[in-house]
């Protein structure tokens, strides 16, 4: 049994002799590189999952209606972000390939193109969702006793979705270049800002107003803005040590080959994301029909479960970046 496990986890046996194009790293080297790349991504994935959990926990003192209002927004928000997640899977792959090739200009061209596309998508979707917030919340299954709070939370979150989406895209490019700690730090800071402002704005501590669910939404959006500023700062350096920079000589104008490479990877991810998010949305809608208390309970459990996905998501990000760099 020990020999079987050794062979299974050994890098020596992961690639057949006829398929090898060069030296295979030792098991120690391979796992060390993967873990060094993955652990910041794991922390980041857990922190991203905790944004909604923190809001849920900190509004719980306002009652089950507040918990349900925050929870009902979760799946519609993720459907909006599913296009950004799909785009970012292409960003990671293409930037990682350019990193492996040593093509800094190509990587920066991809970053700039995808920042523009991300901005356009997020602003368009945020505008539509803000205008049609009431029918969207009713379709999601919101009950009348928390519908207004849900609409308020959703609208404010949508106002901050541009900053969230742009931060995610910049961080995806940084992960493709191997800089996974940048996204971890920005998301950690965003969570800290969210927690602090939640404390002051939900229940009106000190001289701050008591805004309840609206305060939780403002705190979350403020965290998005801070994370975006940190992510943007990470690509504002123009030096030999900075692989990615918006001040590089790469052009901002539309580049068909670059976006073609991104879309080639992202197209499959779009289908995957939409089916997965629609499935979660449908499930949440069914539970919401059982009543406010049932849905509030469901939401707390779903938030805890989402955190457990963090390890898998972290290794997923690391493997995408490492494979892309090796292919390059």
C-alpha atoms as a PDB file:
ATOM      1  CA  UNK A   1       0.000   0.000   0.000  1.00  0.00           C
ATOM      2  CA  UNK A   2       2.846   2.368   0.888  1.00  0.00           C
ATOM      3  CA  UNK A   3       4.539   1.753  -2.463  1.00  0.00           C
ATOM      4  CA  UNK A   4       1.276   2.455  -4.307  1.00  0.00           C
ATOM      5  CA  UNK A   5       0.817   5.772  -2.486  1.00  0.00           C
ATOM      6  CA  UNK A   6       4.457   6.707  -3.060  1.00  0.00           C
ATOM      7  CA  UNK A   7       4.112   6.104  -6.790  1.00  0.00           C
ATOM      8  CA  UNK A   8       0.791   7.976  -6.883  1.00  0.00           C
ATOM      9  CA  UNK A   9       2.151  11.140  -5.243  1.00  0.00           C
ATOM     10  CA  UNK A  10       5.625  11.040  -6.769  1.00  0.00           C
ATOM     11  CA  UNK A  11       6.321  13.492  -9.602  1.00  0.00           C
ATOM     12  CA  UNK A  12       8.509  10.835 -11.185  1.00  0.00           C
ATOM     13  CA  UNK A  13       5.447   8.812 -12.212  1.00  0.00           C
ATOM     14  CA  UNK A  14       3.080  11.683 -13.101  1.00  0.00           C
ATOM     15  CA  UNK A  15       4.322  12.041 -16.683  1.00  0.00           C
ATOM     16  CA  UNK A  16       5.114   9.128 -18.964  1.00  0.00           C
ATOM     17  CA  UNK A  17       8.638   8.905 -20.352  1.00  0.00           C
ATOM     18  CA  UNK A  18       7.510   9.470 -23.953  1.00  0.00           C
ATOM     19  CA  UNK A  19       5.616  12.664 -22.993  1.00  0.00           C
ATOM     20  CA  UNK A  20       8.492  14.372 -21.163  1.00  0.00           C
ATOM     21  CA  UNK A  21       9.946  17.461 -22.807  1.00  0.00           C
ATOM     22  CA  UNK A  22      12.560  18.145 -20.155  1.00  0.00           C
ATOM     23  CA  UNK A  23      13.656  17.332 -16.638  1.00  0.00           C
ATOM     24  CA  UNK A  24      10.941  16.465 -14.131  1.00  0.00           C
ATOM     25  CA  UNK A  25      11.309  18.281 -10.778  1.00  0.00           C
ATOM     26  CA  UNK A  26      11.681  16.154  -7.674  1.00  0.00           C
ATOM     27  CA  UNK A  27       8.592  15.553  -5.548  1.00  0.00           C
ATOM     28  CA  UNK A  28       9.917  17.934  -2.893  1.00  0.00           C
ATOM     29  CA  UNK A  29      10.548  20.710  -5.423  1.00  0.00           C
ATOM     30  CA  UNK A  30       7.206  20.219  -7.162  1.00  0.00           C
ATOM     31  CA  UNK A  31       5.063  20.207  -4.020  1.00  0.00           C
ATOM     32  CA  UNK A  32       7.001  23.081  -2.484  1.00  0.00           C
ATOM     33  CA  UNK A  33       6.398  25.239  -5.541  1.00  0.00           C
ATOM     34  CA  UNK A  34       2.707  24.307  -5.655  1.00  0.00           C
ATOM     35  CA  UNK A  35       2.147  25.006  -1.953  1.00  0.00           C
ATOM     36  CA  UNK A  36       4.035  28.313  -2.080  1.00  0.00           C
ATOM     37  CA  UNK A  37       1.758  29.375  -4.932  1.00  0.00           C
ATOM     38  CA  UNK A  38      -1.423  27.923  -3.425  1.00  0.00           C
ATOM     39  CA  UNK A  39      -1.478  28.999   0.218  1.00  0.00           C
ATOM     40  CA  UNK A  40      -2.021  32.736  -0.423  1.00  0.00           C
ATOM     41  CA  UNK A  41      -4.775  31.799  -2.903  1.00  0.00           C
ATOM     42  CA  UNK A  42      -6.394  29.542  -0.294  1.00  0.00           C
ATOM     43  CA  UNK A  43      -6.363  32.370   2.243  1.00  0.00           C
ATOM     44  CA  UNK A  44      -7.774  34.734  -0.401  1.00  0.00           C
ATOM     45  CA  UNK A  45     -10.597  32.320  -1.334  1.00  0.00           C
ATOM     46  CA  UNK A  46     -11.563  31.930   2.333  1.00  0.00           C
ATOM     47  CA  UNK A  47     -11.494  35.707   2.846  1.00  0.00           C
ATOM     48  CA  UNK A  48     -13.702  36.275  -0.201  1.00  0.00           C
ATOM     49  CA  UNK A  49     -16.206  33.764   1.144  1.00  0.00           C
ATOM     50  CA  UNK A  50     -16.134  35.473   4.526  1.00  0.00           C
ATOM     51  CA  UNK A  51     -17.354  38.855   3.204  1.00  0.00           C
ATOM     52  CA  UNK A  52     -20.951  37.680   3.013  1.00  0.00           C
ATOM     53  CA  UNK A  53     -20.581  35.615   6.198  1.00  0.00           C
ATOM     54  CA  UNK A  54     -19.324  38.628   8.161  1.00  0.00           C
ATOM     55  CA  UNK A  55     -22.249  40.749   6.981  1.00  0.00           C
ATOM     56  CA  UNK A  56     -24.668  37.955   7.870  1.00  0.00           C
ATOM     57  CA  UNK A  57     -23.259  37.492  11.361  1.00  0.00           C
ATOM     58  CA  UNK A  58     -23.043  41.194  12.136  1.00  0.00           C
ATOM     59  CA  UNK A  59     -26.620  41.987  11.038  1.00  0.00           C
ATOM     60  CA  UNK A  60     -27.992  38.949  12.882  1.00  0.00           C
ATOM     61  CA  UNK A  61     -28.620  41.133  15.927  1.00  0.00           C
ATOM     62  CA  UNK A  62     -31.220  43.020  13.878  1.00  0.00           C
ATOM     63  CA  UNK A  63     -33.338  39.892  13.463  1.00  0.00           C
ATOM     64  CA  UNK A  64     -33.996  37.097  11.003  1.00  0.00           C
ATOM     65  CA  UNK A  65     -35.329  39.542   8.389  1.00  0.00           C
ATOM     66  CA  UNK A  66     -31.946  41.289   8.196  1.00  0.00           C
ATOM     67  CA  UNK A  67     -30.134  37.953   7.839  1.00  0.00           C
ATOM     68  CA  UNK A  68     -32.513  36.937   5.057  1.00  0.00           C
ATOM     69  CA  UNK A  69     -32.132  40.314   3.313  1.00  0.00           C
ATOM     70  CA  UNK A  70     -28.344  39.967   3.183  1.00  0.00           C
ATOM     71  CA  UNK A  71     -28.581  36.307   2.203  1.00  0.00           C
ATOM     72  CA  UNK A  72     -31.056  36.710  -0.658  1.00  0.00           C
ATOM     73  CA  UNK A  73     -28.622  39.068  -2.412  1.00  0.00           C
ATOM     74  CA  UNK A  74     -25.790  36.513  -2.385  1.00  0.00           C
ATOM     75  CA  UNK A  75     -26.713  34.382  -5.400  1.00  0.00           C
ATOM     76  CA  UNK A  76     -27.847  37.238  -7.717  1.00  0.00           C
ATOM     77  CA  UNK A  77     -24.537  38.972  -6.906  1.00  0.00           C
ATOM     78  CA  UNK A  78     -22.594  35.819  -7.761  1.00  0.00           C
ATOM     79  CA  UNK A  79     -24.453  35.441 -11.063  1.00  0.00           C
ATOM     80  CA  UNK A  80     -23.400  38.999 -11.936  1.00  0.00           C
ATOM     81  CA  UNK A  81     -19.802  38.149 -11.012  1.00  0.00           C
ATOM     82  CA  UNK A  82     -19.853  34.825 -12.896  1.00  0.00           C
ATOM     83  CA  UNK A  83     -18.918  36.616 -16.134  1.00  0.00           C
ATOM     84  CA  UNK A  84     -15.996  38.275 -14.353  1.00  0.00           C
ATOM     85  CA  UNK A  85     -14.874  34.939 -12.862  1.00  0.00           C
ATOM     86  CA  UNK A  86     -14.996  33.402 -16.347  1.00  0.00           C
ATOM     87  CA  UNK A  87     -13.012  36.272 -17.847  1.00  0.00           C
ATOM     88  CA  UNK A  88     -10.449  35.956 -15.066  1.00  0.00           C
ATOM     89  CA  UNK A  89      -9.847  32.280 -15.767  1.00  0.00           C
ATOM     90  CA  UNK A  90      -8.661  33.365 -19.212  1.00  0.00           C
ATOM     91  CA  UNK A  91      -6.617  36.198 -17.708  1.00  0.00           C
ATOM     92  CA  UNK A  92      -4.748  33.790 -15.406  1.00  0.00           C
ATOM     93  CA  UNK A  93      -4.035  31.349 -18.238  1.00  0.00           C
ATOM     94  CA  UNK A  94      -2.846  33.929 -20.771  1.00  0.00           C
ATOM     95  CA  UNK A  95      -0.742  35.982 -18.346  1.00  0.00           C
ATOM     96  CA  UNK A  96       0.810  32.788 -16.950  1.00  0.00           C
ATOM     97  CA  UNK A  97       1.700  31.673 -20.489  1.00  0.00           C
ATOM     98  CA  UNK A  98       3.277  35.063 -21.238  1.00  0.00           C
ATOM     99  CA  UNK A  99       5.157  34.881 -17.935  1.00  0.00           C
ATOM    100  CA  UNK A 100       6.587  31.522 -18.904  1.00  0.00           C
ATOM    101  CA  UNK A 101       7.598  32.933 -22.286  1.00  0.00           C
ATOM    102  CA  UNK A 102       9.131  36.001 -20.686  1.00  0.00           C
ATOM    103  CA  UNK A 103       6.782  38.142 -22.814  1.00  0.00           C
ATOM    104  CA  UNK A 104       6.167  41.132 -20.522  1.00  0.00           C
ATOM    105  CA  UNK A 105       4.580  43.220 -23.274  1.00  0.00           C
ATOM    106  CA  UNK A 106       2.077  40.460 -24.075  1.00  0.00           C
ATOM    107  CA  UNK A 107       1.154  40.021 -20.406  1.00  0.00           C
ATOM    108  CA  UNK A 108       0.578  43.748 -19.938  1.00  0.00           C
ATOM    109  CA  UNK A 109      -1.456  43.920 -23.132  1.00  0.00           C
ATOM    110  CA  UNK A 110      -3.692  41.167 -21.733  1.00  0.00           C
ATOM    111  CA  UNK A 111      -4.004  43.005 -18.407  1.00  0.00           C
ATOM    112  CA  UNK A 112      -5.036  46.285 -20.050  1.00  0.00           C
ATOM    113  CA  UNK A 113      -7.483  44.659 -22.478  1.00  0.00           C
ATOM    114  CA  UNK A 114      -9.196  42.688 -19.740  1.00  0.00           C
ATOM    115  CA  UNK A 115      -9.372  45.663 -17.377  1.00  0.00           C
ATOM    116  CA  UNK A 116     -11.328  47.540 -20.046  1.00  0.00           C
ATOM    117  CA  UNK A 117     -13.631  44.585 -20.736  1.00  0.00           C
ATOM    118  CA  UNK A 118     -14.155  44.010 -17.014  1.00  0.00           C
ATOM    119  CA  UNK A 119     -15.012  47.674 -16.461  1.00  0.00           C
ATOM    120  CA  UNK A 120     -17.549  47.651 -19.298  1.00  0.00           C
ATOM    121  CA  UNK A 121     -19.219  44.419 -18.129  1.00  0.00           C
ATOM    122  CA  UNK A 122     -19.397  45.448 -14.466  1.00  0.00           C
ATOM    123  CA  UNK A 123     -20.789  48.937 -15.137  1.00  0.00           C
ATOM    124  CA  UNK A 124     -23.416  47.566 -17.546  1.00  0.00           C
ATOM    125  CA  UNK A 125     -24.576  44.807 -15.203  1.00  0.00           C
ATOM    126  CA  UNK A 126     -24.515  47.078 -12.149  1.00  0.00           C
ATOM    127  CA  UNK A 127     -26.720  49.626 -13.925  1.00  0.00           C
ATOM    128  CA  UNK A 128     -29.238  46.981 -15.023  1.00  0.00           C
ATOM    129  CA  UNK A 129     -29.359  45.379 -11.579  1.00  0.00           C
ATOM    130  CA  UNK A 130     -29.787  48.721  -9.797  1.00  0.00           C
ATOM    131  CA  UNK A 131     -32.682  49.746 -12.065  1.00  0.00           C
ATOM    132  CA  UNK A 132     -34.442  46.384 -11.810  1.00  0.00           C
ATOM    133  CA  UNK A 133     -33.557  45.607  -8.193  1.00  0.00           C
ATOM    134  CA  UNK A 134     -37.156  45.090  -7.045  1.00  0.00           C
ATOM    135  CA  UNK A 135     -38.213  42.537  -9.703  1.00  0.00           C
ATOM    136  CA  UNK A 136     -34.855  40.778  -9.328  1.00  0.00           C
ATOM    137  CA  UNK A 137     -35.265  40.455  -5.559  1.00  0.00           C
ATOM    138  CA  UNK A 138     -38.843  39.250  -5.921  1.00  0.00           C
ATOM    139  CA  UNK A 139     -37.734  36.708  -8.512  1.00  0.00           C
ATOM    140  CA  UNK A 140     -34.986  35.566  -6.142  1.00  0.00           C
ATOM    141  CA  UNK A 141     -37.721  34.769  -3.611  1.00  0.00           C
ATOM    142  CA  UNK A 142     -37.555  37.742  -1.216  1.00  0.00           C
ATOM    143  CA  UNK A 143     -40.572  37.971   1.091  1.00  0.00           C
ATOM    144  CA  UNK A 144     -42.370  41.247   1.751  1.00  0.00           C
ATOM    145  CA  UNK A 145     -41.099  41.455   5.351  1.00  0.00           C
ATOM    146  CA  UNK A 146     -37.503  41.976   4.179  1.00  0.00           C
ATOM    147  CA  UNK A 147     -37.907  43.017   0.529  1.00  0.00           C
ATOM    148  CA  UNK A 148     -37.008  46.692   1.103  1.00  0.00           C
ATOM    149  CA  UNK A 149     -33.882  45.801   3.081  1.00  0.00           C
ATOM    150  CA  UNK A 150     -32.865  43.320   0.369  1.00  0.00           C
ATOM    151  CA  UNK A 151     -33.322  45.954  -2.359  1.00  0.00           C
ATOM    152  CA  UNK A 152     -31.293  48.492  -0.378  1.00  0.00           C
ATOM    153  CA  UNK A 153     -28.458  46.044   0.258  1.00  0.00           C
ATOM    154  CA  UNK A 154     -28.456  44.887  -3.373  1.00  0.00           C
ATOM    155  CA  UNK A 155     -28.350  48.426  -4.809  1.00  0.00           C
ATOM    156  CA  UNK A 156     -25.441  49.523  -2.645  1.00  0.00           C
ATOM    157  CA  UNK A 157     -23.515  46.318  -3.372  1.00  0.00           C
ATOM    158  CA  UNK A 158     -24.076  46.875  -7.100  1.00  0.00           C
ATOM    159  CA  UNK A 159     -22.647  50.386  -6.789  1.00  0.00           C
ATOM    160  CA  UNK A 160     -19.451  48.823  -5.441  1.00  0.00           C
ATOM    161  CA  UNK A 161     -19.374  45.905  -7.864  1.00  0.00           C
ATOM    162  CA  UNK A 162     -17.199  47.828 -10.366  1.00  0.00           C
ATOM    163  CA  UNK A 163     -14.404  48.125  -7.796  1.00  0.00           C
ATOM    164  CA  UNK A 164     -14.831  44.483  -6.770  1.00  0.00           C
ATOM    165  CA  UNK A 165     -14.726  43.249 -10.375  1.00  0.00           C
ATOM    166  CA  UNK A 166     -11.720  45.380 -11.324  1.00  0.00           C
ATOM    167  CA  UNK A 167      -9.839  44.205  -8.251  1.00  0.00           C
ATOM    168  CA  UNK A 168     -10.596  40.576  -9.122  1.00  0.00           C
ATOM    169  CA  UNK A 169      -9.301  41.011 -12.675  1.00  0.00           C
ATOM    170  CA  UNK A 170      -6.078  42.745 -11.633  1.00  0.00           C
ATOM    171  CA  UNK A 171      -5.515  40.096  -8.969  1.00  0.00           C
ATOM    172  CA  UNK A 172      -6.135  37.348 -11.539  1.00  0.00           C
ATOM    173  CA  UNK A 173      -3.391  38.799 -13.738  1.00  0.00           C
ATOM    174  CA  UNK A 174      -1.061  38.994 -10.741  1.00  0.00           C
ATOM    175  CA  UNK A 175      -1.783  35.361  -9.885  1.00  0.00           C
ATOM    176  CA  UNK A 176      -0.972  34.371 -13.453  1.00  0.00           C
ATOM    177  CA  UNK A 177       2.369  36.144 -13.027  1.00  0.00           C
ATOM    178  CA  UNK A 178       2.930  34.210  -9.795  1.00  0.00           C
ATOM    179  CA  UNK A 179       2.145  37.064  -7.388  1.00  0.00           C
ATOM    180  CA  UNK A 180      -0.574  35.407  -5.309  1.00  0.00           C
ATOM    181  CA  UNK A 181       0.207  37.341  -2.113  1.00  0.00           C
ATOM    182  CA  UNK A 182      -1.049  40.634  -3.590  1.00  0.00           C
ATOM    183  CA  UNK A 183      -4.620  39.374  -3.892  1.00  0.00           C
ATOM    184  CA  UNK A 184      -4.411  37.836  -0.415  1.00  0.00           C
ATOM    185  CA  UNK A 185      -3.339  41.142   1.146  1.00  0.00           C
ATOM    186  CA  UNK A 186      -5.985  43.189  -0.667  1.00  0.00           C
ATOM    187  CA  UNK A 187      -8.787  40.820   0.334  1.00  0.00           C
ATOM    188  CA  UNK A 188      -7.545  40.654   3.920  1.00  0.00           C
ATOM    189  CA  UNK A 189      -7.567  44.450   4.124  1.00  0.00           C
ATOM    190  CA  UNK A 190     -11.040  44.591   2.553  1.00  0.00           C
ATOM    191  CA  UNK A 191     -12.349  42.196   5.214  1.00  0.00           C
ATOM    192  CA  UNK A 192     -10.826  44.266   8.018  1.00  0.00           C
ATOM    193  CA  UNK A 193     -12.403  47.445   6.619  1.00  0.00           C
ATOM    194  CA  UNK A 194     -15.734  45.633   6.273  1.00  0.00           C
ATOM    195  CA  UNK A 195     -15.680  44.382   9.868  1.00  0.00           C
ATOM    196  CA  UNK A 196     -14.713  47.768  11.345  1.00  0.00           C
ATOM    197  CA  UNK A 197     -17.315  49.720   9.368  1.00  0.00           C
ATOM    198  CA  UNK A 198     -19.964  47.063  10.055  1.00  0.00           C
ATOM    199  CA  UNK A 199     -19.387  47.563  13.773  1.00  0.00           C
ATOM    200  CA  UNK A 200     -19.871  51.319  13.519  1.00  0.00           C
ATOM    201  CA  UNK A 201     -22.582  51.550  10.854  1.00  0.00           C
ATOM    202  CA  UNK A 202     -24.958  48.675  11.599  1.00  0.00           C
ATOM    203  CA  UNK A 203     -25.795  49.605  15.190  1.00  0.00           C
ATOM    204  CA  UNK A 204     -24.551  53.210  15.219  1.00  0.00           C
ATOM    205  CA  UNK A 205     -21.656  52.985  17.666  1.00  0.00           C
ATOM    206  CA  UNK A 206     -19.825  56.168  18.728  1.00  0.00           C
ATOM    207  CA  UNK A 207     -20.949  59.122  16.582  1.00  0.00           C
ATOM    208  CA  UNK A 208     -21.802  56.994  13.495  1.00  0.00           C
ATOM    209  CA  UNK A 209     -25.436  56.682  12.292  1.00  0.00           C
ATOM    210  CA  UNK A 210     -27.397  53.486  12.879  1.00  0.00           C
ATOM    211  CA  UNK A 211     -27.940  52.322   9.321  1.00  0.00           C
ATOM    212  CA  UNK A 212     -28.689  48.625   9.860  1.00  0.00           C
ATOM    213  CA  UNK A 213     -28.615  46.567   6.644  1.00  0.00           C
ATOM    214  CA  UNK A 214     -27.773  49.686   4.643  1.00  0.00           C
ATOM    215  CA  UNK A 215     -24.711  50.170   6.854  1.00  0.00           C
ATOM    216  CA  UNK A 216     -23.579  46.600   6.173  1.00  0.00           C
ATOM    217  CA  UNK A 217     -23.830  47.235   2.434  1.00  0.00           C
ATOM    218  CA  UNK A 218     -21.862  50.496   2.708  1.00  0.00           C
ATOM    219  CA  UNK A 219     -19.151  48.708   4.722  1.00  0.00           C
ATOM    220  CA  UNK A 220     -18.854  45.928   2.134  1.00  0.00           C
ATOM    221  CA  UNK A 221     -18.653  48.371  -0.772  1.00  0.00           C
ATOM    222  CA  UNK A 222     -16.033  50.423   1.090  1.00  0.00           C
ATOM    223  CA  UNK A 223     -14.000  47.238   1.472  1.00  0.00           C
ATOM    224  CA  UNK A 224     -14.282  46.700  -2.293  1.00  0.00           C
ATOM    225  CA  UNK A 225     -12.949  50.211  -2.940  1.00  0.00           C
ATOM    226  CA  UNK A 226      -9.972  49.698  -0.607  1.00  0.00           C
ATOM    227  CA  UNK A 227      -9.139  46.325  -2.202  1.00  0.00           C
ATOM    228  CA  UNK A 228      -9.330  47.912  -5.655  1.00  0.00           C
ATOM    229  CA  UNK A 229      -6.958  50.707  -4.638  1.00  0.00           C
ATOM    230  CA  UNK A 230      -4.444  48.163  -3.333  1.00  0.00           C
ATOM    231  CA  UNK A 231      -4.728  46.007  -6.456  1.00  0.00           C
ATOM    232  CA  UNK A 232      -4.395  49.027  -8.735  1.00  0.00           C
ATOM    233  CA  UNK A 233      -1.343  50.213  -6.818  1.00  0.00           C
ATOM    234  CA  UNK A 234       0.304  46.831  -7.432  1.00  0.00           C
ATOM    235  CA  UNK A 235       0.287  47.467 -11.205  1.00  0.00           C
ATOM    236  CA  UNK A 236       1.221  51.150 -11.038  1.00  0.00           C
ATOM    237  CA  UNK A 237       4.960  50.554 -10.868  1.00  0.00           C
ATOM    238  CA  UNK A 238       7.144  50.892 -13.937  1.00  0.00           C
ATOM    239  CA  UNK A 239      10.389  49.113 -13.177  1.00  0.00           C
ATOM    240  CA  UNK A 240      12.398  46.082 -14.218  1.00  0.00           C
ATOM    241  CA  UNK A 241      11.187  44.209 -11.146  1.00  0.00           C
ATOM    242  CA  UNK A 242       7.486  44.700 -11.968  1.00  0.00           C
ATOM    243  CA  UNK A 243       6.299  42.172 -14.541  1.00  0.00           C
ATOM    244  CA  UNK A 244       2.837  43.784 -14.743  1.00  0.00           C
ATOM    245  CA  UNK A 245       2.305  47.531 -15.032  1.00  0.00           C
ATOM    246  CA  UNK A 246      -0.402  49.734 -16.521  1.00  0.00           C
ATOM    247  CA  UNK A 247       2.391  52.186 -17.385  1.00  0.00           C
ATOM    248  CA  UNK A 248       4.130  49.703 -19.643  1.00  0.00           C
ATOM    249  CA  UNK A 249       4.520  50.368 -23.367  1.00  0.00           C
ATOM    250  CA  UNK A 250       1.745  47.881 -24.195  1.00  0.00           C
ATOM    251  CA  UNK A 251      -1.182  49.613 -25.903  1.00  0.00           C
ATOM    252  CA  UNK A 252      -4.668  50.014 -24.435  1.00  0.00           C
ATOM    253  CA  UNK A 253      -6.404  49.761 -27.811  1.00  0.00           C
ATOM    254  CA  UNK A 254      -8.368  46.630 -28.720  1.00  0.00           C
ATOM    255  CA  UNK A 255      -6.119  43.723 -29.648  1.00  0.00           C
ATOM    256  CA  UNK A 256      -7.986  40.853 -31.304  1.00  0.00           C
ATOM    257  CA  UNK A 257      -5.301  38.126 -30.902  1.00  0.00           C
ATOM    258  CA  UNK A 258      -4.946  38.844 -27.177  1.00  0.00           C
ATOM    259  CA  UNK A 259      -8.670  38.820 -26.457  1.00  0.00           C
ATOM    260  CA  UNK A 260      -9.092  35.809 -28.722  1.00  0.00           C
ATOM    261  CA  UNK A 261      -6.676  33.866 -26.503  1.00  0.00           C
ATOM    262  CA  UNK A 262      -8.536  34.995 -23.363  1.00  0.00           C
ATOM    263  CA  UNK A 263     -11.976  34.148 -24.780  1.00  0.00           C
ATOM    264  CA  UNK A 264     -10.755  30.736 -25.940  1.00  0.00           C
ATOM    265  CA  UNK A 265     -10.054  29.814 -22.322  1.00  0.00           C
ATOM    266  CA  UNK A 266     -12.965  31.751 -20.805  1.00  0.00           C
ATOM    267  CA  UNK A 267     -15.740  30.415 -23.056  1.00  0.00           C
ATOM    268  CA  UNK A 268     -15.873  27.035 -21.351  1.00  0.00           C
ATOM    269  CA  UNK A 269     -15.673  28.646 -17.933  1.00  0.00           C
ATOM    270  CA  UNK A 270     -18.674  30.888 -18.747  1.00  0.00           C
ATOM    271  CA  UNK A 271     -20.900  27.866 -19.326  1.00  0.00           C
ATOM    272  CA  UNK A 272     -19.601  26.188 -16.172  1.00  0.00           C
ATOM    273  CA  UNK A 273     -20.075  29.301 -14.019  1.00  0.00           C
ATOM    274  CA  UNK A 274     -23.564  30.073 -15.314  1.00  0.00           C
ATOM    275  CA  UNK A 275     -24.856  26.543 -14.785  1.00  0.00           C
ATOM    276  CA  UNK A 276     -23.327  26.375 -11.309  1.00  0.00           C
ATOM    277  CA  UNK A 277     -24.628  29.802 -10.250  1.00  0.00           C
ATOM    278  CA  UNK A 278     -28.089  29.207 -11.695  1.00  0.00           C
ATOM    279  CA  UNK A 279     -28.181  25.935  -9.749  1.00  0.00           C
ATOM    280  CA  UNK A 280     -27.291  27.675  -6.480  1.00  0.00           C
ATOM    281  CA  UNK A 281     -29.761  30.459  -7.279  1.00  0.00           C
ATOM    282  CA  UNK A 282     -32.597  28.009  -7.936  1.00  0.00           C
ATOM    283  CA  UNK A 283     -31.850  26.171  -4.693  1.00  0.00           C
ATOM    284  CA  UNK A 284     -31.857  29.421  -2.708  1.00  0.00           C
ATOM    285  CA  UNK A 285     -35.124  30.495  -4.363  1.00  0.00           C
ATOM    286  CA  UNK A 286     -36.806  27.238  -3.326  1.00  0.00           C
ATOM    287  CA  UNK A 287     -35.627  27.598   0.285  1.00  0.00           C
ATOM    288  CA  UNK A 288     -36.715  31.258   0.353  1.00  0.00           C
ATOM    289  CA  UNK A 289     -40.241  30.064  -0.391  1.00  0.00           C
ATOM    290  CA  UNK A 290     -40.268  28.179   2.938  1.00  0.00           C
ATOM    291  CA  UNK A 291     -40.264  31.429   4.924  1.00  0.00           C
ATOM    292  CA  UNK A 292     -37.943  34.029   6.401  1.00  0.00           C
ATOM    293  CA  UNK A 293     -36.667  31.950   9.321  1.00  0.00           C
ATOM    294  CA  UNK A 294     -35.969  28.897   7.141  1.00  0.00           C
ATOM    295  CA  UNK A 295     -34.073  30.972   4.613  1.00  0.00           C
ATOM    296  CA  UNK A 296     -32.057  32.813   7.272  1.00  0.00           C
ATOM    297  CA  UNK A 297     -30.994  29.449   8.720  1.00  0.00           C
ATOM    298  CA  UNK A 298     -30.134  28.146   5.263  1.00  0.00           C
ATOM    299  CA  UNK A 299     -28.038  31.229   4.525  1.00  0.00           C
ATOM    300  CA  UNK A 300     -25.897  30.879   7.647  1.00  0.00           C
ATOM    301  CA  UNK A 301     -25.151  27.242   6.793  1.00  0.00           C
ATOM    302  CA  UNK A 302     -24.389  28.026   3.135  1.00  0.00           C
ATOM    303  CA  UNK A 303     -21.898  30.720   4.163  1.00  0.00           C
ATOM    304  CA  UNK A 304     -20.048  28.262   6.387  1.00  0.00           C
ATOM    305  CA  UNK A 305     -20.048  25.654   3.601  1.00  0.00           C
ATOM    306  CA  UNK A 306     -18.674  28.169   1.077  1.00  0.00           C
ATOM    307  CA  UNK A 307     -15.619  28.740   3.276  1.00  0.00           C
ATOM    308  CA  UNK A 308     -14.825  25.027   3.025  1.00  0.00           C
ATOM    309  CA  UNK A 309     -14.384  25.456  -0.744  1.00  0.00           C
ATOM    310  CA  UNK A 310     -11.411  27.745  -0.120  1.00  0.00           C
ATOM    311  CA  UNK A 311      -8.741  25.016  -0.123  1.00  0.00           C
ATOM    312  CA  UNK A 312      -9.909  23.583  -3.438  1.00  0.00           C
ATOM    313  CA  UNK A 313     -10.251  27.023  -5.004  1.00  0.00           C
ATOM    314  CA  UNK A 314      -6.747  27.956  -3.856  1.00  0.00           C
ATOM    315  CA  UNK A 315      -5.143  24.894  -5.421  1.00  0.00           C
ATOM    316  CA  UNK A 316      -7.238  25.453  -8.557  1.00  0.00           C
ATOM    317  CA  UNK A 317      -5.761  28.956  -8.940  1.00  0.00           C
ATOM    318  CA  UNK A 318      -2.234  27.718  -8.245  1.00  0.00           C
ATOM    319  CA  UNK A 319      -2.473  24.875 -10.751  1.00  0.00           C
ATOM    320  CA  UNK A 320      -3.800  27.214 -13.467  1.00  0.00           C
ATOM    321  CA  UNK A 321      -0.903  29.607 -12.967  1.00  0.00           C
ATOM    322  CA  UNK A 322       1.790  26.913 -12.742  1.00  0.00           C
ATOM    323  CA  UNK A 323       0.540  24.988 -15.774  1.00  0.00           C
ATOM    324  CA  UNK A 324       0.302  28.183 -17.803  1.00  0.00           C
ATOM    325  CA  UNK A 325       3.839  29.255 -16.881  1.00  0.00           C
ATOM    326  CA  UNK A 326       5.205  25.801 -17.684  1.00  0.00           C
ATOM    327  CA  UNK A 327       3.442  25.759 -21.067  1.00  0.00           C
ATOM    328  CA  UNK A 328       4.950  29.172 -21.797  1.00  0.00           C
END
